[in-house]
Every structure is written in structure tokens, then in C-alpha cells.
PDB file of N, CA and C in Angstrom:
ATOM      1  N   MET A   1       0.849  -1.172   0.000  1.00  0.00           N
ATOM      2  CA  MET A   1       0.000   0.000   0.000  1.00  0.00           C
ATOM      3  C   MET A   1       0.899   1.241   0.000  1.00  0.00           C
ATOM      4  N   ASP A   2       0.524   2.232  -0.792  1.00  0.00           N
ATOM      5  CA  ASP A   2       1.362   3.429  -0.874  1.00  0.00           C
ATOM      6  C   ASP A   2       1.063   4.403   0.267  1.00  0.00           C
ATOM      7  N   TYR A   3       1.992   5.316   0.512  1.00  0.00           N
ATOM      8  CA  TYR A   3       1.870   6.261   1.619  1.00  0.00           C
ATOM      9  C   TYR A   3       0.663   7.184   1.464  1.00  0.00           C
ATOM     10  N   GLY A   4       0.323   7.521   0.229  1.00  0.00           N
ATOM     11  CA  GLY A   4      -0.852   8.363  -0.005  1.00  0.00           C
ATOM     12  C   GLY A   4      -2.118   7.698   0.503  1.00  0.00           C
ATOM     13  N   MET A   5      -2.266   6.400   0.232  1.00  0.00           N
ATOM     14  CA  MET A   5      -3.450   5.666   0.675  1.00  0.00           C
ATOM     15  C   MET A   5      -3.453   5.513   2.197  1.00  0.00           C
ATOM     16  N   ILE A   6      -2.307   5.288   2.790  1.00  0.00           N
ATOM     17  CA  ILE A   6      -2.217   5.164   4.248  1.00  0.00           C
ATOM     18  C   ILE A   6      -2.700   6.457   4.905  1.00  0.00           C
ATOM     19  N   GLY A   7      -2.276   7.584   4.356  1.00  0.00           N
ATOM     20  CA  GLY A   7      -2.721   8.875   4.876  1.00  0.00           C
ATOM     21  C   GLY A   7      -4.229   9.050   4.762  1.00  0.00           C
ATOM     22  N   LYS A   8      -4.801   8.616   3.644  1.00  0.00           N
ATOM     23  CA  LYS A   8      -6.250   8.739   3.437  1.00  0.00           C
ATOM     24  C   LYS A   8      -7.016   7.854   4.417  1.00  0.00           C
ATOM     25  N   ILE A   9      -6.516   6.656   4.672  1.00  0.00           N
ATOM     26  CA  ILE A   9      -7.169   5.745   5.618  1.00  0.00           C
ATOM     27  C   ILE A   9      -7.163   6.350   7.019  1.00  0.00           C
ATOM     28  N   GLU A  10      -6.046   6.911   7.428  1.00  0.00           N
ATOM     29  CA  GLU A  10      -5.955   7.543   8.747  1.00  0.00           C
ATOM     30  C   GLU A  10      -6.902   8.735   8.850  1.00  0.00           C
ATOM     31  N   LYS A  11      -6.981   9.520   7.788  1.00  0.00           N
ATOM     32  CA  LYS A  11      -7.881  10.672   7.776  1.00  0.00           C
ATOM     33  C   LYS A  11      -9.336  10.209   7.861  1.00  0.00           C
ATOM     34  N   ALA A  12      -9.672   9.143   7.156  1.00  0.00           N
ATOM     35  CA  ALA A  12     -11.029   8.592   7.201  1.00  0.00           C
ATOM     36  C   ALA A  12     -11.384   8.138   8.616  1.00  0.00           C
ATOM     37  N   LYS A  13     -10.445   7.500   9.292  1.00  0.00           N
ATOM     38  CA  LYS A  13     -10.684   7.053  10.671  1.00  0.00           C
ATOM     39  C   LYS A  13     -10.907   8.244  11.593  1.00  0.00           C
ATOM     40  N   ARG A  14     -10.142   9.311  11.393  1.00  0.00           N
ATOM     41  CA  ARG A  14     -10.307  10.519  12.201  1.00  0.00           C
ATOM     42  C   ARG A  14     -11.673  11.139  11.944  1.00  0.00           C
ATOM     43  N   TYR A  15     -12.058  11.246  10.682  1.00  0.00           N
ATOM     44  CA  TYR A  15     -13.374  11.780  10.347  1.00  0.00           C
ATOM     45  C   TYR A  15     -14.475  10.947  10.999  1.00  0.00           C
ATOM     46  N   ALA A  16     -14.340   9.637  10.977  1.00  0.00           N
ATOM     47  CA  ALA A  16     -15.361   8.761  11.555  1.00  0.00           C
ATOM     48  C   ALA A  16     -15.522   9.010  13.054  1.00  0.00           C
ATOM     49  N   ARG A  17     -14.455   9.352  13.736  1.00  0.00           N
ATOM     50  CA  ARG A  17     -14.528   9.658  15.169  1.00  0.00           C
ATOM     51  C   ARG A  17     -15.156  11.028  15.421  1.00  0.00           C
ATOM     52  N   GLU A  18     -15.032  11.926  14.469  1.00  0.00           N
ATOM     53  CA  GLU A  18     -15.554  13.291  14.601  1.00  0.00           C
ATOM     54  C   GLU A  18     -16.950  13.364  13.979  1.00  0.00           C
ATOM     55  N   ARG A  19     -17.905  12.783  14.692  1.00  0.00           N
ATOM     56  CA  ARG A  19     -19.259  12.615  14.164  1.00  0.00           C
ATOM     57  C   ARG A  19     -19.929  13.936  13.786  1.00  0.00           C
ATOM     58  N   ASN A  20     -19.497  15.040  14.370  1.00  0.00           N
ATOM     59  CA  ASN A  20     -20.109  16.332  14.050  1.00  0.00           C
ATOM     60  C   ASN A  20     -19.788  16.796  12.628  1.00  0.00           C
ATOM     61  N   ARG A  21     -18.907  16.118  11.929  1.00  0.00           N
ATOM     62  CA  ARG A  21     -18.590  16.463  10.537  1.00  0.00           C
ATOM     63  C   ARG A  21     -19.707  16.056   9.574  1.00  0.00           C
ATOM     64  N   PHE A  22     -20.544  15.131  10.005  1.00  0.00           N
ATOM     65  CA  PHE A  22     -21.551  14.551   9.119  1.00  0.00           C
ATOM     66  C   PHE A  22     -22.877  15.276   9.275  1.00  0.00           C
ATOM     67  N   HIS A  23     -23.484  15.629   8.145  1.00  0.00           N
ATOM     68  CA  HIS A  23     -24.753  16.348   8.133  1.00  0.00           C
ATOM     69  C   HIS A  23     -25.696  15.618   7.180  1.00  0.00           C
ATOM     70  N   PHE A  24     -26.610  14.854   7.755  1.00  0.00           N
ATOM     71  CA  PHE A  24     -27.545  14.089   6.937  1.00  0.00           C
ATOM     72  C   PHE A  24     -28.626  15.008   6.395  1.00  0.00           C
ATOM     73  N   GLU A  25     -28.862  14.901   5.098  1.00  0.00           N
ATOM     74  CA  GLU A  25     -29.906  15.683   4.455  1.00  0.00           C
ATOM     75  C   GLU A  25     -31.065  14.785   4.040  1.00  0.00           C
ATOM     76  N   ALA A  26     -30.747  13.647   3.470  1.00  0.00           N
ATOM     77  CA  ALA A  26     -31.785  12.704   3.052  1.00  0.00           C
ATOM     78  C   ALA A  26     -31.152  11.335   2.853  1.00  0.00           C
ATOM     79  N   PHE A  27     -31.927  10.300   3.211  1.00  0.00           N
ATOM     80  CA  PHE A  27     -31.472   8.936   2.962  1.00  0.00           C
ATOM     81  C   PHE A  27     -32.650   7.975   3.060  1.00  0.00           C
ATOM     82  N   THR A  28     -32.464   6.789   2.526  1.00  0.00           N
ATOM     83  CA  THR A  28     -33.447   5.712   2.587  1.00  0.00           C
ATOM     84  C   THR A  28     -32.754   4.471   3.113  1.00  0.00           C
ATOM     85  N   VAL A  29     -33.434   3.781   4.019  1.00  0.00           N
ATOM     86  CA  VAL A  29     -32.878   2.573   4.626  1.00  0.00           C
ATOM     87  C   VAL A  29     -33.934   1.481   4.583  1.00  0.00           C
ATOM     88  N   SER A  30     -33.515   0.274   4.283  1.00  0.00           N
ATOM     89  CA  SER A  30     -34.388  -0.891   4.377  1.00  0.00           C
ATOM     90  C   SER A  30     -34.054  -1.612   5.674  1.00  0.00           C
ATOM     91  N   ILE A  31     -35.068  -1.840   6.503  1.00  0.00           N
ATOM     92  CA  ILE A  31     -34.879  -2.504   7.792  1.00  0.00           C
ATOM     93  C   ILE A  31     -35.625  -3.827   7.768  1.00  0.00           C
ATOM     94  N   ASP A  32     -34.932  -4.897   8.095  1.00  0.00           N
ATOM     95  CA  ASP A  32     -35.561  -6.215   8.182  1.00  0.00           C
ATOM     96  C   ASP A  32     -36.250  -6.342   9.529  1.00  0.00           C
ATOM     97  N   GLY A  33     -37.570  -6.196   9.535  1.00  0.00           N
ATOM     98  CA  GLY A  33     -38.344  -6.350  10.760  1.00  0.00           C
ATOM     99  C   GLY A  33     -38.549  -7.823  11.070  1.00  0.00           C
ATOM    100  N   GLU A  34     -39.249  -8.098  12.158  1.00  0.00           N
ATOM    101  CA  GLU A  34     -39.498  -9.488  12.532  1.00  0.00           C
ATOM    102  C   GLU A  34     -40.419 -10.182  11.540  1.00  0.00           C
ATOM    103  N   ASN A  35     -41.329  -9.420  10.917  1.00  0.00           N
ATOM    104  CA  ASN A  35     -42.271 -10.014   9.971  1.00  0.00           C
ATOM    105  C   ASN A  35     -41.996  -9.630   8.521  1.00  0.00           C
ATOM    106  N   ASN A  36     -41.609  -8.400   8.302  1.00  0.00           N
ATOM    107  CA  ASN A  36     -41.399  -7.890   6.947  1.00  0.00           C
ATOM    108  C   ASN A  36     -40.242  -6.899   6.930  1.00  0.00           C
ATOM    109  N   ALA A  37     -39.765  -6.623   5.741  1.00  0.00           N
ATOM    110  CA  ALA A  37     -38.794  -5.539   5.564  1.00  0.00           C
ATOM    111  C   ALA A  37     -39.579  -4.240   5.440  1.00  0.00           C
ATOM    112  N   HIS A  38     -39.013  -3.158   5.959  1.00  0.00           N
ATOM    113  CA  HIS A  38     -39.676  -1.857   5.880  1.00  0.00           C
ATOM    114  C   HIS A  38     -38.718  -0.823   5.321  1.00  0.00           C
ATOM    115  N   ARG A  39     -39.281   0.104   4.583  1.00  0.00           N
ATOM    116  CA  ARG A  39     -38.513   1.185   3.963  1.00  0.00           C
ATOM    117  C   ARG A  39     -38.703   2.448   4.797  1.00  0.00           C
ATOM    118  N   VAL A  40     -37.596   2.976   5.295  1.00  0.00           N
ATOM    119  CA  VAL A  40     -37.618   4.188   6.110  1.00  0.00           C
ATOM    120  C   VAL A  40     -36.855   5.271   5.361  1.00  0.00           C
ATOM    121  N   THR A  41     -37.427   6.464   5.319  1.00  0.00           N
ATOM    122  CA  THR A  41     -36.747   7.584   4.678  1.00  0.00           C
ATOM    123  C   THR A  41     -36.614   8.735   5.670  1.00  0.00           C
ATOM    124  N   PHE A  42     -35.600   9.544   5.437  1.00  0.00           N
ATOM    125  CA  PHE A  42     -35.381  10.770   6.200  1.00  0.00           C
ATOM    126  C   PHE A  42     -35.093  11.858   5.180  1.00  0.00           C
ATOM    127  N   ALA A  43     -35.913  12.898   5.179  1.00  0.00           N
ATOM    128  CA  ALA A  43     -35.725  14.025   4.257  1.00  0.00           C
ATOM    129  C   ALA A  43     -36.377  15.258   4.869  1.00  0.00           C
ATOM    130  N   ASN A  44     -35.733  16.397   4.715  1.00  0.00           N
ATOM    131  CA  ASN A  44     -36.256  17.663   5.249  1.00  0.00           C
ATOM    132  C   ASN A  44     -36.559  17.562   6.746  1.00  0.00           C
ATOM    133  N   ASN A  45     -35.662  16.872   7.472  1.00  0.00           N
ATOM    134  CA  ASN A  45     -35.801  16.667   8.922  1.00  0.00           C
ATOM    135  C   ASN A  45     -37.054  15.887   9.306  1.00  0.00           C
ATOM    136  N   GLN A  46     -37.605  15.117   8.390  1.00  0.00           N
ATOM    137  CA  GLN A  46     -38.813  14.346   8.658  1.00  0.00           C
ATOM    138  C   GLN A  46     -38.583  12.869   8.364  1.00  0.00           C
ATOM    139  N   TRP A  47     -39.091  12.022   9.261  1.00  0.00           N
ATOM    140  CA  TRP A  47     -39.037  10.579   9.058  1.00  0.00           C
ATOM    141  C   TRP A  47     -40.284  10.119   8.330  1.00  0.00           C
ATOM    142  N   SER A  48     -40.157   9.011   7.619  1.00  0.00           N
ATOM    143  CA  SER A  48     -41.297   8.333   7.022  1.00  0.00           C
ATOM    144  C   SER A  48     -40.989   6.844   6.999  1.00  0.00           C
ATOM    145  N   CYS A  49     -42.003   6.027   7.233  1.00  0.00           N
ATOM    146  CA  CYS A  49     -41.842   4.572   7.180  1.00  0.00           C
ATOM    147  C   CYS A  49     -43.086   3.993   6.525  1.00  0.00           C
ATOM    148  N   ASP A  50     -42.911   2.890   5.820  1.00  0.00           N
ATOM    149  CA  ASP A  50     -44.045   2.286   5.132  1.00  0.00           C
ATOM    150  C   ASP A  50     -44.872   1.348   6.014  1.00  0.00           C
ATOM    151  N   CYS A  51     -44.548   1.243   7.307  1.00  0.00           N
ATOM    152  CA  CYS A  51     -45.321   0.349   8.181  1.00  0.00           C
ATOM    153  C   CYS A  51     -46.633   1.024   8.607  1.00  0.00           C
ATOM    154  N   ASP A  52     -47.622   0.208   8.948  1.00  0.00           N
ATOM    155  CA  ASP A  52     -48.933   0.718   9.346  1.00  0.00           C
ATOM    156  C   ASP A  52     -48.868   1.568  10.615  1.00  0.00           C
ATOM    157  N   PHE A  53     -48.047   1.159  11.579  1.00  0.00           N
ATOM    158  CA  PHE A  53     -47.958   1.881  12.844  1.00  0.00           C
ATOM    159  C   PHE A  53     -47.507   3.319  12.615  1.00  0.00           C
ATOM    160  N   PHE A  54     -46.531   3.512  11.738  1.00  0.00           N
ATOM    161  CA  PHE A  54     -46.048   4.870  11.464  1.00  0.00           C
ATOM    162  C   PHE A  54     -47.165   5.727  10.884  1.00  0.00           C
ATOM    163  N   HIS A  55     -47.976   5.156  10.026  1.00  0.00           N
ATOM    164  CA  HIS A  55     -49.030   5.941   9.373  1.00  0.00           C
ATOM    165  C   HIS A  55     -50.095   6.406  10.356  1.00  0.00           C
ATOM    166  N   THR A  56     -50.257   5.695  11.477  1.00  0.00           N
ATOM    167  CA  THR A  56     -51.245   6.122  12.463  1.00  0.00           C
ATOM    168  C   THR A  56     -50.638   6.965  13.577  1.00  0.00           C
ATOM    169  N   ARG A  57     -49.334   6.797  13.858  1.00  0.00           N
ATOM    170  CA  ARG A  57     -48.714   7.475  14.995  1.00  0.00           C
ATOM    171  C   ARG A  57     -47.628   8.483  14.628  1.00  0.00           C
ATOM    172  N   GLY A  58     -47.084   8.404  13.422  1.00  0.00           N
ATOM    173  CA  GLY A  58     -46.015   9.319  13.021  1.00  0.00           C
ATOM    174  C   GLY A  58     -44.650   8.952  13.564  1.00  0.00           C
ATOM    175  N   VAL A  59     -44.552   7.802  14.204  1.00  0.00           N
ATOM    176  CA  VAL A  59     -43.302   7.263  14.734  1.00  0.00           C
ATOM    177  C   VAL A  59     -43.483   5.749  14.822  1.00  0.00           C
ATOM    178  N   CYS A  60     -42.391   5.013  14.771  1.00  0.00           N
ATOM    179  CA  CYS A  60     -42.494   3.555  14.857  1.00  0.00           C
ATOM    180  C   CYS A  60     -41.166   2.970  15.327  1.00  0.00           C
ATOM    181  N   THR A  61     -41.170   1.673  15.537  1.00  0.00           N
ATOM    182  CA  THR A  61     -39.960   0.967  15.957  1.00  0.00           C
ATOM    183  C   THR A  61     -38.816   1.220  14.992  1.00  0.00           C
ATOM    184  N   HIS A  62     -39.116   1.259  13.715  1.00  0.00           N
ATOM    185  CA  HIS A  62     -38.083   1.378  12.685  1.00  0.00           C
ATOM    186  C   HIS A  62     -37.428   2.757  12.712  1.00  0.00           C
ATOM    187  N   THR A  63     -38.240   3.815  12.828  1.00  0.00           N
ATOM    188  CA  THR A  63     -37.659   5.157  12.893  1.00  0.00           C
ATOM    189  C   THR A  63     -36.920   5.370  14.211  1.00  0.00           C
ATOM    190  N   MET A  64     -37.475   4.827  15.307  1.00  0.00           N
ATOM    191  CA  MET A  64     -36.802   4.977  16.602  1.00  0.00           C
ATOM    192  C   MET A  64     -35.472   4.234  16.626  1.00  0.00           C
ATOM    193  N   ALA A  65     -35.416   3.071  15.974  1.00  0.00           N
ATOM    194  CA  ALA A  65     -34.155   2.318  15.911  1.00  0.00           C
ATOM    195  C   ALA A  65     -33.098   3.115  15.150  1.00  0.00           C
ATOM    196  N   LEU A  66     -33.491   3.734  14.046  1.00  0.00           N
ATOM    197  CA  LEU A  66     -32.536   4.543  13.287  1.00  0.00           C
ATOM    198  C   LEU A  66     -32.107   5.784  14.060  1.00  0.00           C
ATOM    199  N   GLU A  67     -33.021   6.381  14.801  1.00  0.00           N
ATOM    200  CA  GLU A  67     -32.633   7.518  15.643  1.00  0.00           C
ATOM    201  C   GLU A  67     -31.574   7.092  16.650  1.00  0.00           C
ATOM    202  N   GLU A  68     -31.701   5.888  17.179  1.00  0.00           N
ATOM    203  CA  GLU A  68     -30.714   5.385  18.142  1.00  0.00           C
ATOM    204  C   GLU A  68     -29.376   5.106  17.458  1.00  0.00           C
ATOM    205  N   VAL A  69     -29.417   4.495  16.293  1.00  0.00           N
ATOM    206  CA  VAL A  69     -28.188   4.202  15.545  1.00  0.00           C
ATOM    207  C   VAL A  69     -27.448   5.493  15.203  1.00  0.00           C
ATOM    208  N   LEU A  70     -28.195   6.516  14.826  1.00  0.00           N
ATOM    209  CA  LEU A  70     -27.604   7.782  14.380  1.00  0.00           C
ATOM    210  C   LEU A  70     -27.600   8.845  15.477  1.00  0.00           C
ATOM    211  N   LYS A  71     -27.682   8.427  16.709  1.00  0.00           N
ATOM    212  CA  LYS A  71     -27.748   9.337  17.855  1.00  0.00           C
ATOM    213  C   LYS A  71     -26.657  10.410  17.766  1.00  0.00           C
ATOM    214  N   ASP A  72     -27.053  11.630  18.014  1.00  0.00           N
ATOM    215  CA  ASP A  72     -26.165  12.799  17.987  1.00  0.00           C
ATOM    216  C   ASP A  72     -25.619  13.123  16.601  1.00  0.00           C
ATOM    217  N   MET A  73     -26.168  12.513  15.559  1.00  0.00           N
ATOM    218  CA  MET A  73     -25.703  12.814  14.203  1.00  0.00           C
ATOM    219  C   MET A  73     -26.787  13.490  13.367  1.00  0.00           C
ATOM    220  N   LEU A  74     -28.038  13.394  13.803  1.00  0.00           N
ATOM    221  CA  LEU A  74     -29.136  13.996  13.059  1.00  0.00           C
ATOM    222  C   LEU A  74     -29.453  15.374  13.621  1.00  0.00           C
ATOM    223  N   PRO A  75     -30.026  16.255  12.797  1.00  0.00           N
ATOM    224  CA  PRO A  75     -30.398  17.575  13.297  1.00  0.00           C
ATOM    225  C   PRO A  75     -31.433  17.446  14.406  1.00  0.00           C
ATOM    226  N   THR A  76     -31.370  18.337  15.379  1.00  0.00           N
ATOM    227  CA  THR A  76     -32.346  18.355  16.457  1.00  0.00           C
ATOM    228  C   THR A  76     -33.582  19.088  15.970  1.00  0.00           C
ATOM    229  N   PRO A  77     -34.760  18.442  16.069  1.00  0.00           N
ATOM    230  CA  PRO A  77     -35.975  19.129  15.621  1.00  0.00           C
ATOM    231  C   PRO A  77     -36.227  20.377  16.461  1.00  0.00           C
ATOM    232  N   VAL A  78     -36.735  21.410  15.824  1.00  0.00           N
ATOM    233  CA  VAL A  78     -37.051  22.661  16.512  1.00  0.00           C
ATOM    234  C   VAL A  78     -38.467  22.549  17.052  1.00  0.00           C
ATOM    235  N   GLU A  79     -38.628  22.792  18.358  1.00  0.00           N
ATOM    236  CA  GLU A  79     -39.954  22.757  18.977  1.00  0.00           C
ATOM    237  C   GLU A  79     -40.728  24.010  18.583  1.00  0.00           C
ATOM    238  N   ALA A  80     -42.014  23.842  18.305  1.00  0.00           N
ATOM    239  CA  ALA A  80     -42.857  24.991  17.920  1.00  0.00           C
ATOM    240  C   ALA A  80     -43.311  25.765  19.132  1.00  0.00           C
TER     241      ALA A  80
END
């Protein structure tokens, strides 16, 4: 491995530790639930999930799990 690549790998590791460098704008994730796979999206600071529970409550196991995985990396919602 060349020295240039070694430097890039070290920089990548440093960036990964500095979680405040990352700013999520939009993404889609497929989550394998106990019964079915579910599609979760995050865009414009809003979650969406294709499960029935989310459609009635606006939150679900799938979105809460992703919030936990991405803890301290997502924008904090502004209270009205």
C-alpha cells in the first residue's frame, strides 16, 4: 500500500470519530423487521416509514431504531 493511501485511511478514521462532521440531508434505509422488511426515509428533517404503525402514529420501531443508531448525528428538531 502506498503512503498516499495510508494517509487517506488515517484521515477517514479521524473523520469517523468526529461525528459532528456529518450532516444528513436525506437517505433511505431498508430494515428487516421481525415479519417484513420496511422502507424508512429521512428528508427535510422528517421521518417516514411504510409500516402501518407509522401511518397512524407518526413514529415507529423502525424510525426509533434509526434515531438510536444515528444518535447525535441527526439535526435536532425545533420545537414549535
